């Protein structure tokens, strides 16, 4: 089985080195699919209602739909290091 997820960058959830608001990468995992029943990522993201994402992410009141940009898994890995490379989310030392 493989995971199905939507990748995005969200403005205002991170800060740059000067303390200005910046983008943070987010991954919305929606479970797993069986081999052979994959949905192409391009088709999956066509079905995403960005206006609903702040509520789904439980960030309504903190972010607005216009703060969200859907990105590819490759962009997420390149720009945000993937989920396994963030020591802050993994307990401080990456393990």
PDB file of N, CA and C in Angstrom:
ATOM      1  N   UNK A   1       0.841  -1.186   0.000  1.00  0.00           N
ATOM      2  CA  UNK A   1       0.000   0.000   0.000  1.00  0.00           C
ATOM      3  C   UNK A   1       0.881   1.243   0.000  1.00  0.00           C
ATOM      4  N   UNK A   2       0.367   2.285  -0.612  1.00  0.00           N
ATOM      5  CA  UNK A   2       1.099   3.547  -0.697  1.00  0.00           C
ATOM      6  C   UNK A   2       0.242   4.671  -0.140  1.00  0.00           C
ATOM      7  N   UNK A   3       0.920   5.680   0.363  1.00  0.00           N
ATOM      8  CA  UNK A   3       0.231   6.821   0.963  1.00  0.00           C
ATOM      9  C   UNK A   3      -0.290   7.764  -0.117  1.00  0.00           C
ATOM     10  N   UNK A   4      -1.439   8.354   0.148  1.00  0.00           N
ATOM     11  CA  UNK A   4      -1.979   9.411  -0.700  1.00  0.00           C
ATOM     12  C   UNK A   4      -1.964  10.697   0.129  1.00  0.00           C
ATOM     13  N   UNK A   5      -1.398  11.762  -0.450  1.00  0.00           N
ATOM     14  CA  UNK A   5      -1.228  13.008   0.293  1.00  0.00           C
ATOM     15  C   UNK A   5      -1.261  14.191  -0.658  1.00  0.00           C
ATOM     16  N   UNK A   6      -1.588  15.340  -0.096  1.00  0.00           N
ATOM     17  CA  UNK A   6      -1.535  16.609  -0.816  1.00  0.00           C
ATOM     18  C   UNK A   6      -0.444  17.443  -0.156  1.00  0.00           C
ATOM     19  N   UNK A   7       0.400  18.029  -0.977  1.00  0.00           N
ATOM     20  CA  UNK A   7       1.515  18.835  -0.503  1.00  0.00           C
ATOM     21  C   UNK A   7       1.239  20.299  -0.799  1.00  0.00           C
ATOM     22  N   UNK A   8       1.607  21.154   0.137  1.00  0.00           N
ATOM     23  CA  UNK A   8       1.348  22.580  -0.040  1.00  0.00           C
ATOM     24  C   UNK A   8       2.390  23.400   0.692  1.00  0.00           C
ATOM     25  N   UNK A   9       2.457  24.666   0.316  1.00  0.00           N
ATOM     26  CA  UNK A   9       3.223  25.619   1.099  1.00  0.00           C
ATOM     27  C   UNK A   9       2.229  26.671   1.572  1.00  0.00           C
ATOM     28  N   UNK A  10       2.411  27.100   2.825  1.00  0.00           N
ATOM     29  CA  UNK A  10       1.460  28.000   3.460  1.00  0.00           C
ATOM     30  C   UNK A  10       2.205  29.220   3.976  1.00  0.00           C
ATOM     31  N   UNK A  11       1.791  30.378   3.493  1.00  0.00           N
ATOM     32  CA  UNK A  11       2.434  31.621   3.902  1.00  0.00           C
ATOM     33  C   UNK A  11       1.980  32.021   5.302  1.00  0.00           C
ATOM     34  N   UNK A  12       2.945  32.430   6.111  1.00  0.00           N
ATOM     35  CA  UNK A  12       2.632  32.939   7.444  1.00  0.00           C
ATOM     36  C   UNK A  12       2.836  31.930   8.558  1.00  0.00           C
ATOM     37  N   UNK A  13       3.165  30.699   8.237  1.00  0.00           N
ATOM     38  CA  UNK A  13       3.384  29.689   9.274  1.00  0.00           C
ATOM     39  C   UNK A  13       4.850  29.543   9.645  1.00  0.00           C
ATOM     40  N   UNK A  14       5.726  30.273   8.976  1.00  0.00           N
ATOM     41  CA  UNK A  14       7.153  30.246   9.286  1.00  0.00           C
ATOM     42  C   UNK A  14       7.673  31.672   9.244  1.00  0.00           C
ATOM     43  N   UNK A  15       8.895  31.835   9.707  1.00  0.00           N
ATOM     44  CA  UNK A  15       9.565  33.132   9.653  1.00  0.00           C
ATOM     45  C   UNK A  15      10.921  32.964   9.003  1.00  0.00           C
ATOM     46  N   UNK A  16      11.336  34.003   8.273  1.00  0.00           N
ATOM     47  CA  UNK A  16      12.688  33.989   7.714  1.00  0.00           C
ATOM     48  C   UNK A  16      13.675  34.424   8.792  1.00  0.00           C
ATOM     49  N   UNK A  17      14.951  34.529   8.410  1.00  0.00           N
ATOM     50  CA  UNK A  17      16.002  34.857   9.381  1.00  0.00           C
ATOM     51  C   UNK A  17      15.855  36.259   9.973  1.00  0.00           C
ATOM     52  N   UNK A  18      15.054  37.117   9.348  1.00  0.00           N
ATOM     53  CA  UNK A  18      14.825  38.475   9.851  1.00  0.00           C
ATOM     54  C   UNK A  18      13.518  38.610  10.632  1.00  0.00           C
ATOM     55  N   UNK A  19      12.810  37.491  10.800  1.00  0.00           N
ATOM     56  CA  UNK A  19      11.566  37.526  11.551  1.00  0.00           C
ATOM     57  C   UNK A  19      10.343  37.863  10.721  1.00  0.00           C
ATOM     58  N   UNK A  20      10.497  37.939   9.404  1.00  0.00           N
ATOM     59  CA  UNK A  20       9.367  38.208   8.517  1.00  0.00           C
ATOM     60  C   UNK A  20       8.608  36.922   8.233  1.00  0.00           C
ATOM     61  N   UNK A  21       7.308  37.031   8.033  1.00  0.00           N
ATOM     62  CA  UNK A  21       6.513  35.860   7.686  1.00  0.00           C
ATOM     63  C   UNK A  21       7.051  35.215   6.420  1.00  0.00           C
ATOM     64  N   UNK A  22       6.999  33.885   6.397  1.00  0.00           N
ATOM     65  CA  UNK A  22       7.511  33.131   5.258  1.00  0.00           C
ATOM     66  C   UNK A  22       6.639  31.894   5.067  1.00  0.00           C
ATOM     67  N   UNK A  23       6.946  31.129   4.028  1.00  0.00           N
ATOM     68  CA  UNK A  23       6.214  29.899   3.741  1.00  0.00           C
ATOM     69  C   UNK A  23       6.723  28.741   4.598  1.00  0.00           C
ATOM     70  N   UNK A  24       5.814  27.865   4.957  1.00  0.00           N
ATOM     71  CA  UNK A  24       6.143  26.585   5.594  1.00  0.00           C
ATOM     72  C   UNK A  24       5.539  25.494   4.729  1.00  0.00           C
ATOM     73  N   UNK A  25       6.215  24.380   4.623  1.00  0.00           N
ATOM     74  CA  UNK A  25       5.677  23.241   3.880  1.00  0.00           C
ATOM     75  C   UNK A  25       4.732  22.442   4.752  1.00  0.00           C
ATOM     76  N   UNK A  26       3.658  21.951   4.147  1.00  0.00           N
ATOM     77  CA  UNK A  26       2.700  21.102   4.855  1.00  0.00           C
ATOM     78  C   UNK A  26       2.331  19.920   3.971  1.00  0.00           C
ATOM     79  N   UNK A  27       2.084  18.815   4.622  1.00  0.00           N
ATOM     80  CA  UNK A  27       1.651  17.603   3.935  1.00  0.00           C
ATOM     81  C   UNK A  27       0.356  17.146   4.600  1.00  0.00           C
ATOM     82  N   UNK A  28      -0.682  16.994   3.793  1.00  0.00           N
ATOM     83  CA  UNK A  28      -1.972  16.512   4.288  1.00  0.00           C
ATOM     84  C   UNK A  28      -2.126  15.066   3.840  1.00  0.00           C
ATOM     85  N   UNK A  29      -1.904  14.144   4.761  1.00  0.00           N
ATOM     86  CA  UNK A  29      -2.016  12.721   4.454  1.00  0.00           C
ATOM     87  C   UNK A  29      -3.476  12.305   4.531  1.00  0.00           C
ATOM     88  N   UNK A  30      -3.904  11.560   3.512  1.00  0.00           N
ATOM     89  CA  UNK A  30      -5.310  11.143   3.449  1.00  0.00           C
ATOM     90  C   UNK A  30      -5.462   9.626   3.484  1.00  0.00           C
ATOM     91  N   UNK A  31      -4.444   8.941   3.954  1.00  0.00           N
ATOM     92  CA  UNK A  31      -4.532   7.502   4.062  1.00  0.00           C
ATOM     93  C   UNK A  31      -3.702   6.792   3.016  1.00  0.00           C
ATOM     94  N   UNK A  32      -4.084   5.561   2.742  1.00  0.00           N
ATOM     95  CA  UNK A  32      -3.332   4.731   1.813  1.00  0.00           C
ATOM     96  C   UNK A  32      -4.243   4.184   0.730  1.00  0.00           C
ATOM     97  N   UNK A  33      -3.635   3.789  -0.374  1.00  0.00           N
ATOM     98  CA  UNK A  33      -4.393   3.165  -1.453  1.00  0.00           C
ATOM     99  C   UNK A  33      -3.721   1.858  -1.830  1.00  0.00           C
ATOM    100  N   UNK A  34      -4.520   0.967  -2.360  1.00  0.00           N
ATOM    101  CA  UNK A  34      -3.998  -0.325  -2.782  1.00  0.00           C
ATOM    102  C   UNK A  34      -3.270  -0.180  -4.104  1.00  0.00           C
ATOM    103  N   UNK A  35      -2.279  -1.029  -4.294  1.00  0.00           N
ATOM    104  CA  UNK A  35      -1.527  -1.087  -5.538  1.00  0.00           C
ATOM    105  C   UNK A  35      -2.494  -1.235  -6.707  1.00  0.00           C
ATOM    106  N   UNK A  36      -2.324  -0.409  -7.730  1.00  0.00           N
ATOM    107  CA  UNK A  36      -3.179  -0.464  -8.909  1.00  0.00           C
ATOM    108  C   UNK A  36      -4.384   0.462  -8.849  1.00  0.00           C
ATOM    109  N   UNK A  37      -4.631   1.089  -7.691  1.00  0.00           N
ATOM    110  CA  UNK A  37      -5.779   1.994  -7.589  1.00  0.00           C
ATOM    111  C   UNK A  37      -5.325   3.441  -7.378  1.00  0.00           C
ATOM    112  N   UNK A  38      -4.106   3.746  -7.799  1.00  0.00           N
ATOM    113  CA  UNK A  38      -3.551   5.080  -7.633  1.00  0.00           C
ATOM    114  C   UNK A  38      -4.345   6.118  -8.428  1.00  0.00           C
ATOM    115  N   UNK A  39      -4.351   7.312  -7.892  1.00  0.00           N
ATOM    116  CA  UNK A  39      -4.917   8.467  -8.588  1.00  0.00           C
ATOM    117  C   UNK A  39      -3.732   9.363  -8.927  1.00  0.00           C
ATOM    118  N   UNK A  40      -3.554   9.724 -10.186  1.00  0.00           N
ATOM    119  CA  UNK A  40      -2.445  10.629 -10.515  1.00  0.00           C
ATOM    120  C   UNK A  40      -2.557  11.919  -9.694  1.00  0.00           C
ATOM    121  N   UNK A  41      -1.415  12.393  -9.187  1.00  0.00           N
ATOM    122  CA  UNK A  41      -1.396  13.582  -8.336  1.00  0.00           C
ATOM    123  C   UNK A  41      -2.070  14.770  -9.009  1.00  0.00           C
ATOM    124  N   UNK A  42      -1.852  14.924 -10.303  1.00  0.00           N
ATOM    125  CA  UNK A  42      -2.452  16.043 -11.033  1.00  0.00           C
ATOM    126  C   UNK A  42      -3.980  15.972 -10.972  1.00  0.00           C
ATOM    127  N   UNK A  43      -4.531  14.771 -11.033  1.00  0.00           N
ATOM    128  CA  UNK A  43      -5.983  14.600 -10.938  1.00  0.00           C
ATOM    129  C   UNK A  43      -6.473  14.837  -9.513  1.00  0.00           C
ATOM    130  N   UNK A  44      -5.717  14.360  -8.544  1.00  0.00           N
ATOM    131  CA  UNK A  44      -6.083  14.532  -7.135  1.00  0.00           C
ATOM    132  C   UNK A  44      -6.189  16.009  -6.773  1.00  0.00           C
ATOM    133  N   UNK A  45      -5.187  16.793  -7.155  1.00  0.00           N
ATOM    134  CA  UNK A  45      -5.197  18.194  -6.740  1.00  0.00           C
ATOM    135  C   UNK A  45      -6.262  19.017  -7.459  1.00  0.00           C
ATOM    136  N   UNK A  46      -6.759  18.535  -8.600  1.00  0.00           N
ATOM    137  CA  UNK A  46      -7.863  19.222  -9.264  1.00  0.00           C
ATOM    138  C   UNK A  46      -9.128  19.184  -8.419  1.00  0.00           C
ATOM    139  N   UNK A  47      -9.226  18.213  -7.525  1.00  0.00           N
ATOM    140  CA  UNK A  47     -10.416  18.035  -6.692  1.00  0.00           C
ATOM    141  C   UNK A  47     -10.326  18.773  -5.351  1.00  0.00           C
ATOM    142  N   UNK A  48      -9.190  19.413  -5.093  1.00  0.00           N
ATOM    143  CA  UNK A  48      -8.980  20.108  -3.824  1.00  0.00           C
ATOM    144  C   UNK A  48      -9.699  21.457  -3.847  1.00  0.00           C
ATOM    145  N   UNK A  49     -10.452  21.731  -2.804  1.00  0.00           N
ATOM    146  CA  UNK A  49     -11.121  23.019  -2.627  1.00  0.00           C
ATOM    147  C   UNK A  49     -10.282  23.837  -1.650  1.00  0.00           C
ATOM    148  N   UNK A  50      -9.427  24.696  -2.181  1.00  0.00           N
ATOM    149  CA  UNK A  50      -8.512  25.458  -1.336  1.00  0.00           C
ATOM    150  C   UNK A  50      -9.267  26.280  -0.298  1.00  0.00           C
ATOM    151  N   UNK A  51     -10.470  26.749  -0.639  1.00  0.00           N
ATOM    152  CA  UNK A  51     -11.252  27.542   0.320  1.00  0.00           C
ATOM    153  C   UNK A  51     -11.570  26.762   1.596  1.00  0.00           C
ATOM    154  N   UNK A  52     -11.581  25.436   1.515  1.00  0.00           N
ATOM    155  CA  UNK A  52     -11.895  24.602   2.674  1.00  0.00           C
ATOM    156  C   UNK A  52     -10.657  24.184   3.470  1.00  0.00           C
ATOM    157  N   UNK A  53      -9.471  24.328   2.895  1.00  0.00           N
ATOM    158  CA  UNK A  53      -8.263  23.828   3.550  1.00  0.00           C
ATOM    159  C   UNK A  53      -7.967  24.442   4.915  1.00  0.00           C
ATOM    160  N   UNK A  54      -8.117  25.756   5.134  1.00  0.00           N
ATOM    161  CA  UNK A  54      -7.838  26.266   6.481  1.00  0.00           C
ATOM    162  C   UNK A  54      -8.670  25.547   7.557  1.00  0.00           C
ATOM    163  N   UNK A  55      -9.915  25.277   7.269  1.00  0.00           N
ATOM    164  CA  UNK A  55     -10.761  24.582   8.236  1.00  0.00           C
ATOM    165  C   UNK A  55     -10.326  23.124   8.395  1.00  0.00           C
ATOM    166  N   UNK A  56     -10.050  22.450   7.281  1.00  0.00           N
ATOM    167  CA  UNK A  56      -9.610  21.053   7.328  1.00  0.00           C
ATOM    168  C   UNK A  56      -8.309  20.928   8.114  1.00  0.00           C
ATOM    169  N   UNK A  57      -7.404  21.891   7.929  1.00  0.00           N
ATOM    170  CA  UNK A  57      -6.111  21.880   8.610  1.00  0.00           C
ATOM    171  C   UNK A  57      -6.201  22.400  10.045  1.00  0.00           C
ATOM    172  N   UNK A  58      -7.390  22.828  10.429  1.00  0.00           N
ATOM    173  CA  UNK A  58      -7.642  23.421  11.744  1.00  0.00           C
ATOM    174  C   UNK A  58      -6.819  24.681  11.956  1.00  0.00           C
ATOM    175  N   UNK A  59      -6.691  25.446  10.884  1.00  0.00           N
ATOM    176  CA  UNK A  59      -5.950  26.695  10.915  1.00  0.00           C
ATOM    177  C   UNK A  59      -6.826  27.871  10.514  1.00  0.00           C
ATOM    178  N   UNK A  60      -8.149  27.670  10.476  1.00  0.00           N
ATOM    179  CA  UNK A  60      -9.022  28.794  10.135  1.00  0.00           C
ATOM    180  C   UNK A  60      -8.877  29.852  11.225  1.00  0.00           C
ATOM    181  N   UNK A  61      -8.830  31.092  10.812  1.00  0.00           N
ATOM    182  CA  UNK A  61      -8.567  32.194  11.724  1.00  0.00           C
ATOM    183  C   UNK A  61      -7.082  32.523  11.810  1.00  0.00           C
ATOM    184  N   UNK A  62      -6.240  31.593  11.367  1.00  0.00           N
ATOM    185  CA  UNK A  62      -4.796  31.817  11.371  1.00  0.00           C
ATOM    186  C   UNK A  62      -4.294  32.054   9.952  1.00  0.00           C
ATOM    187  N   UNK A  63      -4.797  31.249   9.007  1.00  0.00           N
ATOM    188  CA  UNK A  63      -4.428  31.415   7.600  1.00  0.00           C
ATOM    189  C   UNK A  63      -5.678  31.595   6.763  1.00  0.00           C
ATOM    190  N   UNK A  64      -5.482  32.160   5.581  1.00  0.00           N
ATOM    191  CA  UNK A  64      -6.569  32.353   4.625  1.00  0.00           C
ATOM    192  C   UNK A  64      -6.300  31.461   3.414  1.00  0.00           C
ATOM    193  N   UNK A  65      -7.329  31.137   2.639  1.00  0.00           N
ATOM    194  CA  UNK A  65      -7.121  30.310   1.446  1.00  0.00           C
ATOM    195  C   UNK A  65      -6.047  30.869   0.516  1.00  0.00           C
ATOM    196  N   UNK A  66      -5.953  32.182   0.414  1.00  0.00           N
ATOM    197  CA  UNK A  66      -4.955  32.769  -0.477  1.00  0.00           C
ATOM    198  C   UNK A  66      -3.523  32.598   0.039  1.00  0.00           C
ATOM    199  N   UNK A  67      -3.361  32.148   1.285  1.00  0.00           N
ATOM    200  CA  UNK A  67      -2.040  31.863   1.839  1.00  0.00           C
ATOM    201  C   UNK A  67      -1.524  30.485   1.425  1.00  0.00           C
ATOM    202  N   UNK A  68      -2.381  29.672   0.796  1.00  0.00           N
ATOM    203  CA  UNK A  68      -2.057  28.282   0.487  1.00  0.00           C
ATOM    204  C   UNK A  68      -1.776  28.111  -0.997  1.00  0.00           C
ATOM    205  N   UNK A  69      -0.693  27.412  -1.279  1.00  0.00           N
ATOM    206  CA  UNK A  69      -0.358  27.052  -2.658  1.00  0.00           C
ATOM    207  C   UNK A  69      -0.064  25.550  -2.700  1.00  0.00           C
ATOM    208  N   UNK A  70      -0.810  24.830  -3.530  1.00  0.00           N
ATOM    209  CA  UNK A  70      -0.576  23.393  -3.714  1.00  0.00           C
ATOM    210  C   UNK A  70       0.720  23.230  -4.505  1.00  0.00           C
ATOM    211  N   UNK A  71       1.580  22.327  -4.045  1.00  0.00           N
ATOM    212  CA  UNK A  71       2.844  22.053  -4.728  1.00  0.00           C
ATOM    213  C   UNK A  71       2.972  20.552  -4.980  1.00  0.00           C
ATOM    214  N   UNK A  72       3.966  20.165  -5.748  1.00  0.00           N
ATOM    215  CA  UNK A  72       4.186  18.755  -6.035  1.00  0.00           C
ATOM    216  C   UNK A  72       4.983  18.103  -4.898  1.00  0.00           C
ATOM    217  N   UNK A  73       4.920  16.783  -4.803  1.00  0.00           N
ATOM    218  CA  UNK A  73       5.749  16.096  -3.796  1.00  0.00           C
ATOM    219  C   UNK A  73       7.236  16.400  -3.992  1.00  0.00           C
ATOM    220  N   UNK A  74       7.664  16.547  -5.231  1.00  0.00           N
ATOM    221  CA  UNK A  74       9.062  16.847  -5.514  1.00  0.00           C
ATOM    222  C   UNK A  74       9.442  18.243  -5.005  1.00  0.00           C
ATOM    223  N   UNK A  75       8.560  19.220  -5.203  1.00  0.00           N
ATOM    224  CA  UNK A  75       8.820  20.568  -4.685  1.00  0.00           C
ATOM    225  C   UNK A  75       8.882  20.547  -3.165  1.00  0.00           C
ATOM    226  N   UNK A  76       7.983  19.798  -2.554  1.00  0.00           N
ATOM    227  CA  UNK A  76       7.963  19.679  -1.094  1.00  0.00           C
ATOM    228  C   UNK A  76       9.288  19.109  -0.590  1.00  0.00           C
ATOM    229  N   UNK A  77       9.740  18.010  -1.189  1.00  0.00           N
ATOM    230  CA  UNK A  77      10.998  17.394  -0.774  1.00  0.00           C
ATOM    231  C   UNK A  77      12.177  18.340  -0.996  1.00  0.00           C
ATOM    232  N   UNK A  78      12.184  19.013  -2.135  1.00  0.00           N
ATOM    233  CA  UNK A  78      13.283  19.922  -2.461  1.00  0.00           C
ATOM    234  C   UNK A  78      13.321  21.130  -1.525  1.00  0.00           C
ATOM    235  N   UNK A  79      12.165  21.759  -1.300  1.00  0.00           N
ATOM    236  CA  UNK A  79      12.127  23.017  -0.554  1.00  0.00           C
ATOM    237  C   UNK A  79      12.007  22.847   0.952  1.00  0.00           C
ATOM    238  N   UNK A  80      11.448  21.735   1.401  1.00  0.00           N
ATOM    239  CA  UNK A  80      11.188  21.555   2.830  1.00  0.00           C
ATOM    240  C   UNK A  80      11.831  20.296   3.395  1.00  0.00           C
ATOM    241  N   UNK A  81      12.584  19.571   2.572  1.00  0.00           N
ATOM    242  CA  UNK A  81      13.349  18.439   3.052  1.00  0.00           C
ATOM    243  C   UNK A  81      12.559  17.185   3.333  1.00  0.00           C
ATOM    244  N   UNK A  82      11.293  17.154   3.012  1.00  0.00           N
ATOM    245  CA  UNK A  82      10.489  15.972   3.293  1.00  0.00           C
ATOM    246  C   UNK A  82      10.203  15.868   4.773  1.00  0.00           C
ATOM    247  N   UNK A  83       9.303  14.988   5.131  1.00  0.00           N
ATOM    248  CA  UNK A  83       8.876  14.881   6.521  1.00  0.00           C
ATOM    249  C   UNK A  83       9.932  14.317   7.443  1.00  0.00           C
ATOM    250  N   UNK A  84      10.844  13.490   6.941  1.00  0.00           N
ATOM    251  CA  UNK A  84      11.830  12.852   7.799  1.00  0.00           C
ATOM    252  C   UNK A  84      13.020  13.742   8.111  1.00  0.00           C
ATOM    253  N   UNK A  85      13.130  14.899   7.443  1.00  0.00           N
ATOM    254  CA  UNK A  85      14.288  15.759   7.611  1.00  0.00           C
ATOM    255  C   UNK A  85      14.053  16.944   8.542  1.00  0.00           C
ATOM    256  N   UNK A  86      12.923  17.008   9.226  1.00  0.00           N
ATOM    257  CA  UNK A  86      12.613  18.145  10.077  1.00  0.00           C
ATOM    258  C   UNK A  86      12.807  17.768  11.536  1.00  0.00           C
ATOM    259  N   UNK A  87      13.965  18.084  12.142  1.00  0.00           N
ATOM    260  CA  UNK A  87      14.225  17.682  13.517  1.00  0.00           C
ATOM    261  C   UNK A  87      13.233  18.263  14.519  1.00  0.00           C
ATOM    262  N   UNK A  88      12.686  19.465  14.250  1.00  0.00           N
ATOM    263  CA  UNK A  88      11.734  20.057  15.193  1.00  0.00           C
ATOM    264  C   UNK A  88      10.477  19.223  15.329  1.00  0.00           C
ATOM    265  N   UNK A  89      10.069  18.550  14.250  1.00  0.00           N
ATOM    266  CA  UNK A  89       8.865  17.732  14.305  1.00  0.00           C
ATOM    267  C   UNK A  89       9.140  16.325  14.824  1.00  0.00           C
ATOM    268  N   UNK A  90      10.409  15.973  14.913  1.00  0.00           N
ATOM    269  CA  UNK A  90      10.759  14.603  15.289  1.00  0.00           C
ATOM    270  C   UNK A  90      11.400  14.512  16.663  1.00  0.00           C
ATOM    271  N   UNK A  91      11.283  15.545  17.451  1.00  0.00           N
ATOM    272  CA  UNK A  91      11.808  15.454  18.796  1.00  0.00           C
ATOM    273  C   UNK A  91      13.136  16.162  19.015  1.00  0.00           C
ATOM    274  N   UNK A  92      13.577  16.977  18.064  1.00  0.00           N
ATOM    275  CA  UNK A  92      14.737  17.819  18.286  1.00  0.00           C
ATOM    276  C   UNK A  92      16.042  17.298  17.738  1.00  0.00           C
ATOM    277  N   UNK A  93      16.183  15.990  17.514  1.00  0.00           N
ATOM    278  CA  UNK A  93      17.458  15.491  17.021  1.00  0.00           C
ATOM    279  C   UNK A  93      17.332  14.701  15.721  1.00  0.00           C
ATOM    280  N   UNK A  94      16.133  14.690  15.138  1.00  0.00           N
ATOM    281  CA  UNK A  94      15.926  14.002  13.876  1.00  0.00           C
ATOM    282  C   UNK A  94      15.692  12.529  14.002  1.00  0.00           C
ATOM    283  N   UNK A  95      15.612  12.017  15.217  1.00  0.00           N
ATOM    284  CA  UNK A  95      15.376  10.568  15.372  1.00  0.00           C
ATOM    285  C   UNK A  95      13.966  10.271  15.804  1.00  0.00           C
TER     286      UNK A  95
END
